[in-house]
């Protein structure tokens, strides 16, 4: 069974670089990766916040939020 991973981002250069370098490196045979652009999916900001995301880009895996650099705080996306 694949591990579900959600990558939240805002489309900024920091986020896009993280997507290219980190998300692309994940083994798609082991991980089911969903990419969520919070700038285009405003209703999902609350979901990200509930998952523990404080800023983007961030990965959520196994109930844990992993923050990658700092592109934007969630407050800026509300």
PDB file of N, CA and C in Angstrom:
ATOM      1  N   UNK A   1       0.843  -1.183   0.000  1.00  0.00           N
ATOM      2  CA  UNK A   1       0.000   0.000   0.000  1.00  0.00           C
ATOM      3  C   UNK A   1       0.887   1.245   0.000  1.00  0.00           C
ATOM      4  N   UNK A   2       0.525   2.210  -0.819  1.00  0.00           N
ATOM      5  CA  UNK A   2       1.306   3.440  -0.917  1.00  0.00           C
ATOM      6  C   UNK A   2       1.005   4.380   0.248  1.00  0.00           C
ATOM      7  N   UNK A   3       2.014   5.133   0.642  1.00  0.00           N
ATOM      8  CA  UNK A   3       1.852   6.164   1.654  1.00  0.00           C
ATOM      9  C   UNK A   3       1.349   7.429   0.970  1.00  0.00           C
ATOM     10  N   UNK A   4       0.284   8.017   1.515  1.00  0.00           N
ATOM     11  CA  UNK A   4      -0.283   9.246   0.968  1.00  0.00           C
ATOM     12  C   UNK A   4       0.573  10.433   1.415  1.00  0.00           C
ATOM     13  N   UNK A   5       0.971  11.269   0.469  1.00  0.00           N
ATOM     14  CA  UNK A   5       1.742  12.480   0.732  1.00  0.00           C
ATOM     15  C   UNK A   5       1.025  13.637   0.054  1.00  0.00           C
ATOM     16  N   UNK A   6       0.818  14.722   0.780  1.00  0.00           N
ATOM     17  CA  UNK A   6       0.220  15.918   0.191  1.00  0.00           C
ATOM     18  C   UNK A   6       1.270  17.020   0.227  1.00  0.00           C
ATOM     19  N   UNK A   7       1.535  17.609  -0.921  1.00  0.00           N
ATOM     20  CA  UNK A   7       2.469  18.720  -1.038  1.00  0.00           C
ATOM     21  C   UNK A   7       1.643  19.978  -1.235  1.00  0.00           C
ATOM     22  N   UNK A   8       1.673  20.869  -0.245  1.00  0.00           N
ATOM     23  CA  UNK A   8       0.948  22.135  -0.309  1.00  0.00           C
ATOM     24  C   UNK A   8       1.921  23.232  -0.736  1.00  0.00           C
ATOM     25  N   UNK A   9       1.469  24.086  -1.651  1.00  0.00           N
ATOM     26  CA  UNK A   9       2.311  25.197  -2.079  1.00  0.00           C
ATOM     27  C   UNK A   9       1.444  26.356  -2.532  1.00  0.00           C
ATOM     28  N   UNK A  10       2.100  27.495  -2.797  1.00  0.00           N
ATOM     29  CA  UNK A  10       1.376  28.701  -3.200  1.00  0.00           C
ATOM     30  C   UNK A  10       1.774  29.185  -4.594  1.00  0.00           C
ATOM     31  N   UNK A  11       2.603  28.428  -5.278  1.00  0.00           N
ATOM     32  CA  UNK A  11       2.995  28.811  -6.627  1.00  0.00           C
ATOM     33  C   UNK A  11       4.166  29.775  -6.713  1.00  0.00           C
ATOM     34  N   UNK A  12       4.746  30.134  -5.578  1.00  0.00           N
ATOM     35  CA  UNK A  12       5.873  31.073  -5.576  1.00  0.00           C
ATOM     36  C   UNK A  12       7.149  30.353  -6.040  1.00  0.00           C
ATOM     37  N   UNK A  13       8.204  31.095  -6.345  1.00  0.00           N
ATOM     38  CA  UNK A  13       9.448  30.452  -6.791  1.00  0.00           C
ATOM     39  C   UNK A  13      10.019  29.436  -5.790  1.00  0.00           C
ATOM     40  N   UNK A  14       9.935  29.726  -4.501  1.00  0.00           N
ATOM     41  CA  UNK A  14      10.416  28.782  -3.488  1.00  0.00           C
ATOM     42  C   UNK A  14       9.611  27.483  -3.560  1.00  0.00           C
ATOM     43  N   UNK A  15       8.298  27.621  -3.692  1.00  0.00           N
ATOM     44  CA  UNK A  15       7.420  26.453  -3.752  1.00  0.00           C
ATOM     45  C   UNK A  15       7.679  25.627  -5.010  1.00  0.00           C
ATOM     46  N   UNK A  16       7.827  26.297  -6.132  1.00  0.00           N
ATOM     47  CA  UNK A  16       8.056  25.582  -7.380  1.00  0.00           C
ATOM     48  C   UNK A  16       9.393  24.859  -7.380  1.00  0.00           C
ATOM     49  N   UNK A  17      10.405  25.474  -6.784  1.00  0.00           N
ATOM     50  CA  UNK A  17      11.708  24.811  -6.671  1.00  0.00           C
ATOM     51  C   UNK A  17      11.596  23.569  -5.783  1.00  0.00           C
ATOM     52  N   UNK A  18      10.839  23.663  -4.690  1.00  0.00           N
ATOM     53  CA  UNK A  18      10.646  22.512  -3.806  1.00  0.00           C
ATOM     54  C   UNK A  18       9.911  21.402  -4.543  1.00  0.00           C
ATOM     55  N   UNK A  19       8.918  21.769  -5.326  1.00  0.00           N
ATOM     56  CA  UNK A  19       8.181  20.765  -6.093  1.00  0.00           C
ATOM     57  C   UNK A  19       9.115  20.048  -7.072  1.00  0.00           C
ATOM     58  N   UNK A  20       9.926  20.793  -7.766  1.00  0.00           N
ATOM     59  CA  UNK A  20      10.845  20.197  -8.742  1.00  0.00           C
ATOM     60  C   UNK A  20      11.889  19.321  -8.083  1.00  0.00           C
ATOM     61  N   UNK A  21      12.423  19.751  -6.951  1.00  0.00           N
ATOM     62  CA  UNK A  21      13.537  19.040  -6.328  1.00  0.00           C
ATOM     63  C   UNK A  21      13.133  17.959  -5.338  1.00  0.00           C
ATOM     64  N   UNK A  22      12.086  18.176  -4.593  1.00  0.00           N
ATOM     65  CA  UNK A  22      11.727  17.226  -3.537  1.00  0.00           C
ATOM     66  C   UNK A  22      10.616  16.287  -3.983  1.00  0.00           C
ATOM     67  N   UNK A  23       9.525  16.851  -4.448  1.00  0.00           N
ATOM     68  CA  UNK A  23       8.392  16.011  -4.845  1.00  0.00           C
ATOM     69  C   UNK A  23       8.782  15.108  -6.007  1.00  0.00           C
ATOM     70  N   UNK A  24       9.531  15.622  -6.951  1.00  0.00           N
ATOM     71  CA  UNK A  24       9.944  14.813  -8.098  1.00  0.00           C
ATOM     72  C   UNK A  24      10.850  13.658  -7.683  1.00  0.00           C
ATOM     73  N   UNK A  25      11.536  13.804  -6.557  1.00  0.00           N
ATOM     74  CA  UNK A  25      12.456  12.762  -6.103  1.00  0.00           C
ATOM     75  C   UNK A  25      11.745  11.630  -5.352  1.00  0.00           C
ATOM     76  N   UNK A  26      10.492  11.828  -4.971  1.00  0.00           N
ATOM     77  CA  UNK A  26       9.774  10.781  -4.239  1.00  0.00           C
ATOM     78  C   UNK A  26       9.483   9.596  -5.157  1.00  0.00           C
ATOM     79  N   UNK A  27       9.667   8.431  -4.635  1.00  0.00           N
ATOM     80  CA  UNK A  27       9.421   7.201  -5.379  1.00  0.00           C
ATOM     81  C   UNK A  27       7.905   7.026  -5.548  1.00  0.00           C
ATOM     82  N   UNK A  28       7.421   7.188  -6.760  1.00  0.00           N
ATOM     83  CA  UNK A  28       5.974   7.110  -7.013  1.00  0.00           C
ATOM     84  C   UNK A  28       5.422   5.693  -6.844  1.00  0.00           C
ATOM     85  N   UNK A  29       6.295   4.706  -6.743  1.00  0.00           N
ATOM     86  CA  UNK A  29       5.829   3.348  -6.466  1.00  0.00           C
ATOM     87  C   UNK A  29       5.512   3.177  -4.984  1.00  0.00           C
ATOM     88  N   UNK A  30       6.150   3.998  -4.141  1.00  0.00           N
ATOM     89  CA  UNK A  30       5.945   3.907  -2.693  1.00  0.00           C
ATOM     90  C   UNK A  30       5.007   4.982  -2.159  1.00  0.00           C
ATOM     91  N   UNK A  31       4.925   6.115  -2.869  1.00  0.00           N
ATOM     92  CA  UNK A  31       4.156   7.251  -2.370  1.00  0.00           C
ATOM     93  C   UNK A  31       3.092   7.693  -3.370  1.00  0.00           C
ATOM     94  N   UNK A  32       1.908   7.949  -2.858  1.00  0.00           N
ATOM     95  CA  UNK A  32       0.821   8.530  -3.636  1.00  0.00           C
ATOM     96  C   UNK A  32       0.859  10.025  -3.341  1.00  0.00           C
ATOM     97  N   UNK A  33       1.369  10.816  -4.276  1.00  0.00           N
ATOM     98  CA  UNK A  33       1.606  12.243  -4.045  1.00  0.00           C
ATOM     99  C   UNK A  33       0.489  13.080  -4.658  1.00  0.00           C
ATOM    100  N   UNK A  34      -0.097  13.944  -3.837  1.00  0.00           N
ATOM    101  CA  UNK A  34      -1.073  14.918  -4.312  1.00  0.00           C
ATOM    102  C   UNK A  34      -0.444  16.296  -4.167  1.00  0.00           C
ATOM    103  N   UNK A  35      -0.499  17.083  -5.219  1.00  0.00           N
ATOM    104  CA  UNK A  35       0.040  18.441  -5.190  1.00  0.00           C
ATOM    105  C   UNK A  35      -1.134  19.409  -5.128  1.00  0.00           C
ATOM    106  N   UNK A  36      -1.123  20.272  -4.101  1.00  0.00           N
ATOM    107  CA  UNK A  36      -2.225  21.208  -3.885  1.00  0.00           C
ATOM    108  C   UNK A  36      -1.682  22.635  -3.934  1.00  0.00           C
ATOM    109  N   UNK A  37      -2.134  23.393  -4.905  1.00  0.00           N
ATOM    110  CA  UNK A  37      -1.777  24.818  -5.052  1.00  0.00           C
ATOM    111  C   UNK A  37      -2.807  25.610  -4.261  1.00  0.00           C
ATOM    112  N   UNK A  38      -2.429  26.064  -3.083  1.00  0.00           N
ATOM    113  CA  UNK A  38      -3.379  26.748  -2.200  1.00  0.00           C
ATOM    114  C   UNK A  38      -3.826  28.099  -2.738  1.00  0.00           C
ATOM    115  N   UNK A  39      -3.061  28.702  -3.614  1.00  0.00           N
ATOM    116  CA  UNK A  39      -3.485  29.947  -4.240  1.00  0.00           C
ATOM    117  C   UNK A  39      -4.658  29.737  -5.177  1.00  0.00           C
ATOM    118  N   UNK A  40      -4.783  28.531  -5.707  1.00  0.00           N
ATOM    119  CA  UNK A  40      -5.870  28.198  -6.625  1.00  0.00           C
ATOM    120  C   UNK A  40      -6.960  27.370  -5.960  1.00  0.00           C
ATOM    121  N   UNK A  41      -6.678  26.848  -4.782  1.00  0.00           N
ATOM    122  CA  UNK A  41      -7.638  26.005  -4.054  1.00  0.00           C
ATOM    123  C   UNK A  41      -7.838  26.549  -2.646  1.00  0.00           C
ATOM    124  N   UNK A  42      -8.380  27.753  -2.559  1.00  0.00           N
ATOM    125  CA  UNK A  42      -8.552  28.434  -1.261  1.00  0.00           C
ATOM    126  C   UNK A  42      -9.282  27.590  -0.216  1.00  0.00           C
ATOM    127  N   UNK A  43     -10.301  26.793  -0.578  1.00  0.00           N
ATOM    128  CA  UNK A  43     -10.982  25.991   0.442  1.00  0.00           C
ATOM    129  C   UNK A  43     -10.068  24.976   1.128  1.00  0.00           C
ATOM    130  N   UNK A  44      -8.953  24.648   0.527  1.00  0.00           N
ATOM    131  CA  UNK A  44      -8.056  23.646   1.102  1.00  0.00           C
ATOM    132  C   UNK A  44      -7.061  24.238   2.087  1.00  0.00           C
ATOM    133  N   UNK A  45      -7.054  25.569   2.244  1.00  0.00           N
ATOM    134  CA  UNK A  45      -6.173  26.210   3.221  1.00  0.00           C
ATOM    135  C   UNK A  45      -6.515  25.711   4.621  1.00  0.00           C
ATOM    136  N   UNK A  46      -7.787  25.609   4.934  1.00  0.00           N
ATOM    137  CA  UNK A  46      -8.216  25.118   6.256  1.00  0.00           C
ATOM    138  C   UNK A  46      -7.762  23.676   6.470  1.00  0.00           C
ATOM    139  N   UNK A  47      -7.811  22.880   5.433  1.00  0.00           N
ATOM    140  CA  UNK A  47      -7.347  21.489   5.503  1.00  0.00           C
ATOM    141  C   UNK A  47      -5.852  21.435   5.820  1.00  0.00           C
ATOM    142  N   UNK A  48      -5.090  22.269   5.136  1.00  0.00           N
ATOM    143  CA  UNK A  48      -3.639  22.321   5.374  1.00  0.00           C
ATOM    144  C   UNK A  48      -3.348  22.759   6.803  1.00  0.00           C
ATOM    145  N   UNK A  49      -4.070  23.771   7.253  1.00  0.00           N
ATOM    146  CA  UNK A  49      -3.886  24.280   8.615  1.00  0.00           C
ATOM    147  C   UNK A  49      -4.195  23.191   9.646  1.00  0.00           C
ATOM    148  N   UNK A  50      -5.269  22.460   9.425  1.00  0.00           N
ATOM    149  CA  UNK A  50      -5.656  21.375  10.333  1.00  0.00           C
ATOM    150  C   UNK A  50      -4.591  20.273  10.355  1.00  0.00           C
ATOM    151  N   UNK A  51      -3.899  20.087   9.232  1.00  0.00           N
ATOM    152  CA  UNK A  51      -2.842  19.069   9.135  1.00  0.00           C
ATOM    153  C   UNK A  51      -1.536  19.527   9.769  1.00  0.00           C
ATOM    154  N   UNK A  52      -1.492  20.786  10.245  1.00  0.00           N
ATOM    155  CA  UNK A  52      -0.302  21.283  10.929  1.00  0.00           C
ATOM    156  C   UNK A  52       0.600  22.156  10.086  1.00  0.00           C
ATOM    157  N   UNK A  53       0.162  22.465   8.871  1.00  0.00           N
ATOM    158  CA  UNK A  53       0.965  23.319   7.995  1.00  0.00           C
ATOM    159  C   UNK A  53       0.886  24.758   8.485  1.00  0.00           C
ATOM    160  N   UNK A  54       2.041  25.374   8.662  1.00  0.00           N
ATOM    161  CA  UNK A  54       2.128  26.772   9.108  1.00  0.00           C
ATOM    162  C   UNK A  54       2.554  27.690   7.964  1.00  0.00           C
ATOM    163  N   UNK A  55       3.340  27.135   7.035  1.00  0.00           N
ATOM    164  CA  UNK A  55       3.816  27.885   5.875  1.00  0.00           C
ATOM    165  C   UNK A  55       4.023  26.905   4.727  1.00  0.00           C
ATOM    166  N   UNK A  56       4.073  27.455   3.546  1.00  0.00           N
ATOM    167  CA  UNK A  56       4.321  26.632   2.362  1.00  0.00           C
ATOM    168  C   UNK A  56       5.645  27.035   1.734  1.00  0.00           C
ATOM    169  N   UNK A  57       6.304  26.120   1.086  1.00  0.00           N
ATOM    170  CA  UNK A  57       5.889  24.762   0.759  1.00  0.00           C
ATOM    171  C   UNK A  57       6.014  23.821   1.955  1.00  0.00           C
ATOM    172  N   UNK A  58       5.151  22.818   1.960  1.00  0.00           N
ATOM    173  CA  UNK A  58       5.173  21.823   3.033  1.00  0.00           C
ATOM    174  C   UNK A  58       4.647  20.492   2.516  1.00  0.00           C
ATOM    175  N   UNK A  59       5.168  19.430   3.086  1.00  0.00           N
ATOM    176  CA  UNK A  59       4.674  18.078   2.823  1.00  0.00           C
ATOM    177  C   UNK A  59       3.952  17.589   4.062  1.00  0.00           C
ATOM    178  N   UNK A  60       2.859  16.881   3.865  1.00  0.00           N
ATOM    179  CA  UNK A  60       2.190  16.208   4.976  1.00  0.00           C
ATOM    180  C   UNK A  60       2.211  14.716   4.665  1.00  0.00           C
ATOM    181  N   UNK A  61       2.790  13.967   5.594  1.00  0.00           N
ATOM    182  CA  UNK A  61       2.935  12.529   5.414  1.00  0.00           C
ATOM    183  C   UNK A  61       2.762  11.851   6.763  1.00  0.00           C
ATOM    184  N   UNK A  62       1.966  10.810   6.802  1.00  0.00           N
ATOM    185  CA  UNK A  62       1.717  10.059   8.041  1.00  0.00           C
ATOM    186  C   UNK A  62       1.281  10.966   9.189  1.00  0.00           C
ATOM    187  N   UNK A  63       0.449  11.960   8.881  1.00  0.00           N
ATOM    188  CA  UNK A  63      -0.070  12.855   9.902  1.00  0.00           C
ATOM    189  C   UNK A  63       0.896  13.904  10.407  1.00  0.00           C
ATOM    190  N   UNK A  64       2.051  14.033   9.770  1.00  0.00           N
ATOM    191  CA  UNK A  64       3.079  14.977  10.201  1.00  0.00           C
ATOM    192  C   UNK A  64       3.360  15.989   9.097  1.00  0.00           C
ATOM    193  N   UNK A  65       3.390  17.267   9.460  1.00  0.00           N
ATOM    194  CA  UNK A  65       3.710  18.324   8.494  1.00  0.00           C
ATOM    195  C   UNK A  65       5.216  18.568   8.505  1.00  0.00           C
ATOM    196  N   UNK A  66       5.801  18.625   7.326  1.00  0.00           N
ATOM    197  CA  UNK A  66       7.223  18.899   7.157  1.00  0.00           C
ATOM    198  C   UNK A  66       7.353  20.183   6.350  1.00  0.00           C
ATOM    199  N   UNK A  67       7.882  21.209   6.968  1.00  0.00           N
ATOM    200  CA  UNK A  67       8.017  22.505   6.319  1.00  0.00           C
ATOM    201  C   UNK A  67       9.338  22.576   5.560  1.00  0.00           C
ATOM    202  N   UNK A  68       9.254  23.050   4.333  1.00  0.00           N
ATOM    203  CA  UNK A  68      10.407  23.111   3.441  1.00  0.00           C
ATOM    204  C   UNK A  68      10.665  24.581   3.131  1.00  0.00           C
ATOM    205  N   UNK A  69      11.697  25.148   3.738  1.00  0.00           N
ATOM    206  CA  UNK A  69      12.001  26.546   3.498  1.00  0.00           C
ATOM    207  C   UNK A  69      10.814  27.409   3.906  1.00  0.00           C
ATOM    208  N   UNK A  70      10.709  28.623   3.444  1.00  0.00           N
ATOM    209  CA  UNK A  70       9.576  29.493   3.771  1.00  0.00           C
ATOM    210  C   UNK A  70       9.220  30.326   2.555  1.00  0.00           C
ATOM    211  N   UNK A  71       8.102  30.000   1.957  1.00  0.00           N
ATOM    212  CA  UNK A  71       7.608  30.749   0.803  1.00  0.00           C
ATOM    213  C   UNK A  71       6.536  31.747   1.220  1.00  0.00           C
ATOM    214  N   UNK A  72       5.544  31.266   2.000  1.00  0.00           N
ATOM    215  CA  UNK A  72       4.449  32.111   2.460  1.00  0.00           C
ATOM    216  C   UNK A  72       3.789  31.459   3.662  1.00  0.00           C
ATOM    217  N   UNK A  73       3.371  32.280   4.613  1.00  0.00           N
ATOM    218  CA  UNK A  73       2.600  31.791   5.745  1.00  0.00           C
ATOM    219  C   UNK A  73       1.174  31.538   5.308  1.00  0.00           C
ATOM    220  N   UNK A  74       0.482  30.625   5.984  1.00  0.00           N
ATOM    221  CA  UNK A  74      -0.904  30.330   5.607  1.00  0.00           C
ATOM    222  C   UNK A  74      -1.808  31.549   5.750  1.00  0.00           C
ATOM    223  N   UNK A  75      -1.506  32.419   6.695  1.00  0.00           N
ATOM    224  CA  UNK A  75      -2.328  33.628   6.866  1.00  0.00           C
ATOM    225  C   UNK A  75      -2.401  34.446   5.579  1.00  0.00           C
ATOM    226  N   UNK A  76      -1.312  34.471   4.825  1.00  0.00           N
ATOM    227  CA  UNK A  76      -1.270  35.234   3.575  1.00  0.00           C
ATOM    228  C   UNK A  76      -2.139  34.599   2.485  1.00  0.00           C
ATOM    229  N   UNK A  77      -2.503  33.345   2.664  1.00  0.00           N
ATOM    230  CA  UNK A  77      -3.276  32.636   1.652  1.00  0.00           C
ATOM    231  C   UNK A  77      -4.778  32.614   1.942  1.00  0.00           C
ATOM    232  N   UNK A  78      -5.148  33.100   3.119  1.00  0.00           N
ATOM    233  CA  UNK A  78      -6.578  33.085   3.481  1.00  0.00           C
ATOM    234  C   UNK A  78      -7.338  34.185   2.779  1.00  0.00           C
TER     235      UNK A  78
END
